[in-house]
Amino acid sequence: MLIHFPLSKAEMVRRKYGLAYRLSPSQAGLKNLQVVLIIVNPLKHTSKHYHPIEELYYFLSGSVTFVGNKQKFIVKPQDIVIVPPNEIHQIYNHSKKDQCMFIVAISPPRTPEIITYINSQPSEV
């Protein structure tokens, strides 16, 4: 059965960098996937962190720098970045005026206790 899930039903979480709209597995009937729409405000960044699960990022708008353990990419709309388990990663929006928007598909769904933060607080993610 198909499931339609309006963004208005997602859990909205305010972060230091902007907003996260979380579609939890239990809300949408998902078993092995969590989906998050993230908006990073101009001149903001996510926390540097890693976790033992993989993620797929699909970029919708804006241009950002995506930083990994030993790599750095300029990412634009329609780009995809795959983060393997235990890869340190962080996203920087260097624009002075434009937000960046992207979707993260997380499998299996993560819980806060499996995330390790590097030089930042959990409230930044």
C-alpha atoms as a PDB file:
ATOM      1  CA  MET A   1       0.000   0.000   0.000  1.00  0.00           C
ATOM      2  CA  LEU A   2       1.279   3.473  -0.887  1.00  0.00           C
ATOM      3  CA  ILE A   3       1.603   6.027   1.879  1.00  0.00           C
ATOM      4  CA  HIS A   4       1.248   9.780   1.340  1.00  0.00           C
ATOM      5  CA  PHE A   5       2.861  11.830   4.077  1.00  0.00           C
ATOM      6  CA  PRO A   6       2.502  15.649   3.927  1.00  0.00           C
ATOM      7  CA  LEU A   7       5.432  17.618   5.312  1.00  0.00           C
ATOM      8  CA  SER A   8       3.012  19.278   7.740  1.00  0.00           C
ATOM      9  CA  LYS A   9       2.749  15.931   9.584  1.00  0.00           C
ATOM     10  CA  ALA A  10       6.511  15.522  10.007  1.00  0.00           C
ATOM     11  CA  GLU A  11       8.158  16.393  13.316  1.00  0.00           C
ATOM     12  CA  MET A  12       9.787  19.835  12.982  1.00  0.00           C
ATOM     13  CA  VAL A  13      12.941  20.328  15.031  1.00  0.00           C
ATOM     14  CA  ARG A  14      14.674  23.700  15.311  1.00  0.00           C
ATOM     15  CA  ARG A  15      18.450  23.481  15.162  1.00  0.00           C
ATOM     16  CA  LYS A  16      21.238  26.039  15.464  1.00  0.00           C
ATOM     17  CA  TYR A  17      21.783  25.732  11.720  1.00  0.00           C
ATOM     18  CA  GLY A  18      18.113  25.852  10.658  1.00  0.00           C
ATOM     19  CA  LEU A  19      15.303  23.276  10.606  1.00  0.00           C
ATOM     20  CA  ALA A  20      14.916  19.519  10.376  1.00  0.00           C
ATOM     21  CA  TYR A  21      11.644  17.834   9.424  1.00  0.00           C
ATOM     22  CA  ARG A  22      11.806  14.223  10.564  1.00  0.00           C
ATOM     23  CA  LEU A  23       9.630  11.530   9.147  1.00  0.00           C
ATOM     24  CA  SER A  24       9.970   8.843  11.768  1.00  0.00           C
ATOM     25  CA  PRO A  25       9.579   5.208  10.768  1.00  0.00           C
ATOM     26  CA  SER A  26       6.664   4.702  13.150  1.00  0.00           C
ATOM     27  CA  GLN A  27       4.766   7.725  11.784  1.00  0.00           C
ATOM     28  CA  ALA A  28       4.968   6.593   8.176  1.00  0.00           C
ATOM     29  CA  GLY A  29       4.871   2.835   8.579  1.00  0.00           C
ATOM     30  CA  LEU A  30       8.519   2.508   7.547  1.00  0.00           C
ATOM     31  CA  LYS A  31      10.513  -0.427   8.882  1.00  0.00           C
ATOM     32  CA  ASN A  32      14.106   0.107   7.746  1.00  0.00           C
ATOM     33  CA  LEU A  33      14.334   3.743   6.745  1.00  0.00           C
ATOM     34  CA  GLN A  34      14.227   7.193   8.310  1.00  0.00           C
ATOM     35  CA  VAL A  35      13.840  10.304   6.157  1.00  0.00           C
ATOM     36  CA  VAL A  36      14.763  13.856   7.161  1.00  0.00           C
ATOM     37  CA  LEU A  37      14.340  17.102   5.216  1.00  0.00           C
ATOM     38  CA  ILE A  38      17.004  19.539   6.394  1.00  0.00           C
ATOM     39  CA  ILE A  39      17.248  23.279   5.809  1.00  0.00           C
ATOM     40  CA  VAL A  40      20.603  24.913   6.563  1.00  0.00           C
ATOM     41  CA  ASN A  41      20.446  28.697   6.845  1.00  0.00           C
ATOM     42  CA  PRO A  42      22.993  31.035   5.223  1.00  0.00           C
ATOM     43  CA  LEU A  43      26.470  30.991   6.804  1.00  0.00           C
ATOM     44  CA  LYS A  44      25.564  28.049   9.087  1.00  0.00           C
ATOM     45  CA  HIS A  45      26.777  24.462   9.350  1.00  0.00           C
ATOM     46  CA  THR A  46      25.785  21.135  10.817  1.00  0.00           C
ATOM     47  CA  SER A  47      27.837  19.542  13.564  1.00  0.00           C
ATOM     48  CA  LYS A  48      30.795  17.311  12.769  1.00  0.00           C
ATOM     49  CA  HIS A  49      29.780  13.774  13.682  1.00  0.00           C
ATOM     50  CA  TYR A  50      29.761  10.100  12.747  1.00  0.00           C
ATOM     51  CA  HIS A  51      27.646   7.003  13.399  1.00  0.00           C
ATOM     52  CA  PRO A  52      27.656   3.282  12.541  1.00  0.00           C
ATOM     53  CA  ILE A  53      24.952   3.522   9.866  1.00  0.00           C
ATOM     54  CA  GLU A  54      24.907   4.736   6.278  1.00  0.00           C
ATOM     55  CA  GLU A  55      23.125   7.773   4.906  1.00  0.00           C
ATOM     56  CA  LEU A  56      22.181   9.047   1.466  1.00  0.00           C
ATOM     57  CA  TYR A  57      21.912  12.814   0.932  1.00  0.00           C
ATOM     58  CA  TYR A  58      19.953  14.263  -2.004  1.00  0.00           C
ATOM     59  CA  PHE A  59      20.392  18.015  -2.454  1.00  0.00           C
ATOM     60  CA  LEU A  60      17.355  20.052  -3.504  1.00  0.00           C
ATOM     61  CA  SER A  61      18.557  23.663  -3.378  1.00  0.00           C
ATOM     62  CA  GLY A  62      21.570  25.776  -2.522  1.00  0.00           C
ATOM     63  CA  SER A  63      25.257  25.002  -2.791  1.00  0.00           C
ATOM     64  CA  VAL A  64      27.241  23.648   0.161  1.00  0.00           C
ATOM     65  CA  THR A  65      30.601  22.202   1.092  1.00  0.00           C
ATOM     66  CA  PHE A  66      30.256  18.596   2.229  1.00  0.00           C
ATOM     67  CA  VAL A  67      33.253  17.528   4.321  1.00  0.00           C
ATOM     68  CA  GLY A  68      34.207  13.924   5.103  1.00  0.00           C
ATOM     69  CA  ASN A  69      37.201  12.253   6.763  1.00  0.00           C
ATOM     70  CA  LYS A  70      39.638  13.031   3.951  1.00  0.00           C
ATOM     71  CA  GLN A  71      37.421  14.485   1.239  1.00  0.00           C
ATOM     72  CA  LYS A  72      35.627  17.734   0.535  1.00  0.00           C
ATOM     73  CA  PHE A  73      33.009  18.345  -2.171  1.00  0.00           C
ATOM     74  CA  ILE A  74      31.113  21.351  -3.440  1.00  0.00           C
ATOM     75  CA  VAL A  75      27.570  19.989  -3.687  1.00  0.00           C
ATOM     76  CA  LYS A  76      24.786  21.486  -5.797  1.00  0.00           C
ATOM     77  CA  PRO A  77      21.092  20.709  -6.396  1.00  0.00           C
ATOM     78  CA  GLN A  78      20.396  17.206  -7.729  1.00  0.00           C
ATOM     79  CA  ASP A  79      23.736  15.899  -6.390  1.00  0.00           C
ATOM     80  CA  ILE A  80      23.795  12.806  -4.192  1.00  0.00           C
ATOM     81  CA  VAL A  81      26.331  12.086  -1.454  1.00  0.00           C
ATOM     82  CA  ILE A  82      26.538   8.684   0.208  1.00  0.00           C
ATOM     83  CA  VAL A  83      28.048   8.557   3.683  1.00  0.00           C
ATOM     84  CA  PRO A  84      29.274   5.090   4.706  1.00  0.00           C
ATOM     85  CA  PRO A  85      29.176   3.918   8.327  1.00  0.00           C
ATOM     86  CA  ASN A  86      31.623   5.668  10.691  1.00  0.00           C
ATOM     87  CA  GLU A  87      32.571   8.388   8.190  1.00  0.00           C
ATOM     88  CA  ILE A  88      32.996  11.771   9.870  1.00  0.00           C
ATOM     89  CA  HIS A  89      30.898  14.346   8.035  1.00  0.00           C
ATOM     90  CA  GLN A  90      29.710  17.942   8.192  1.00  0.00           C
ATOM     91  CA  ILE A  91      27.900  20.365   5.864  1.00  0.00           C
ATOM     92  CA  TYR A  92      28.704  24.083   5.453  1.00  0.00           C
ATOM     93  CA  ASN A  93      26.419  26.612   3.781  1.00  0.00           C
ATOM     94  CA  HIS A  94      28.749  29.449   2.733  1.00  0.00           C
ATOM     95  CA  SER A  95      26.042  31.501   1.041  1.00  0.00           C
ATOM     96  CA  LYS A  96      25.286  34.879   2.575  1.00  0.00           C
ATOM     97  CA  LYS A  97      21.659  34.825   1.389  1.00  0.00           C
ATOM     98  CA  ASP A  98      20.485  31.375   0.244  1.00  0.00           C
ATOM     99  CA  GLN A  99      19.302  28.466   2.339  1.00  0.00           C
ATOM    100  CA  CYS A 100      20.353  24.944   1.450  1.00  0.00           C
ATOM    101  CA  MET A 101      17.750  22.180   1.429  1.00  0.00           C
ATOM    102  CA  PHE A 102      18.392  18.445   1.249  1.00  0.00           C
ATOM    103  CA  ILE A 103      16.857  15.094   2.090  1.00  0.00           C
ATOM    104  CA  VAL A 104      18.684  12.471   4.130  1.00  0.00           C
ATOM    105  CA  ALA A 105      17.656   8.823   3.870  1.00  0.00           C
ATOM    106  CA  ILE A 106      18.990   6.880   6.859  1.00  0.00           C
ATOM    107  CA  SER A 107      19.093   3.096   7.045  1.00  0.00           C
ATOM    108  CA  PRO A 108      18.572   1.597   9.462  1.00  0.00           C
ATOM    109  CA  PRO A 109      16.896   4.457  11.357  1.00  0.00           C
ATOM    110  CA  ARG A 110      19.318   6.086  13.789  1.00  0.00           C
ATOM    111  CA  THR A 111      18.860   6.908  17.432  1.00  0.00           C
ATOM    112  CA  PRO A 112      20.627   9.797  19.200  1.00  0.00           C
ATOM    113  CA  GLU A 113      22.794   7.545  21.359  1.00  0.00           C
ATOM    114  CA  ILE A 114      24.672   6.071  18.367  1.00  0.00           C
ATOM    115  CA  ILE A 115      25.906   9.476  17.138  1.00  0.00           C
ATOM    116  CA  THR A 116      29.376  10.620  18.175  1.00  0.00           C
ATOM    117  CA  TYR A 117      29.940  14.391  17.993  1.00  0.00           C
ATOM    118  CA  ILE A 118      33.335  15.960  17.383  1.00  0.00           C
ATOM    119  CA  ASN A 119      33.913  19.390  18.950  1.00  0.00           C
ATOM    120  CA  SER A 120      30.212  20.220  19.018  1.00  0.00           C
ATOM    121  CA  GLN A 121      27.049  19.637  20.987  1.00  0.00           C
ATOM    122  CA  PRO A 122      24.214  17.284  20.013  1.00  0.00           C
ATOM    123  CA  SER A 123      21.836  20.233  19.726  1.00  0.00           C
ATOM    124  CA  GLU A 124      23.681  21.331  16.573  1.00  0.00           C
ATOM    125  CA  VAL A 125      22.731  18.273  14.530  1.00  0.00           C
END
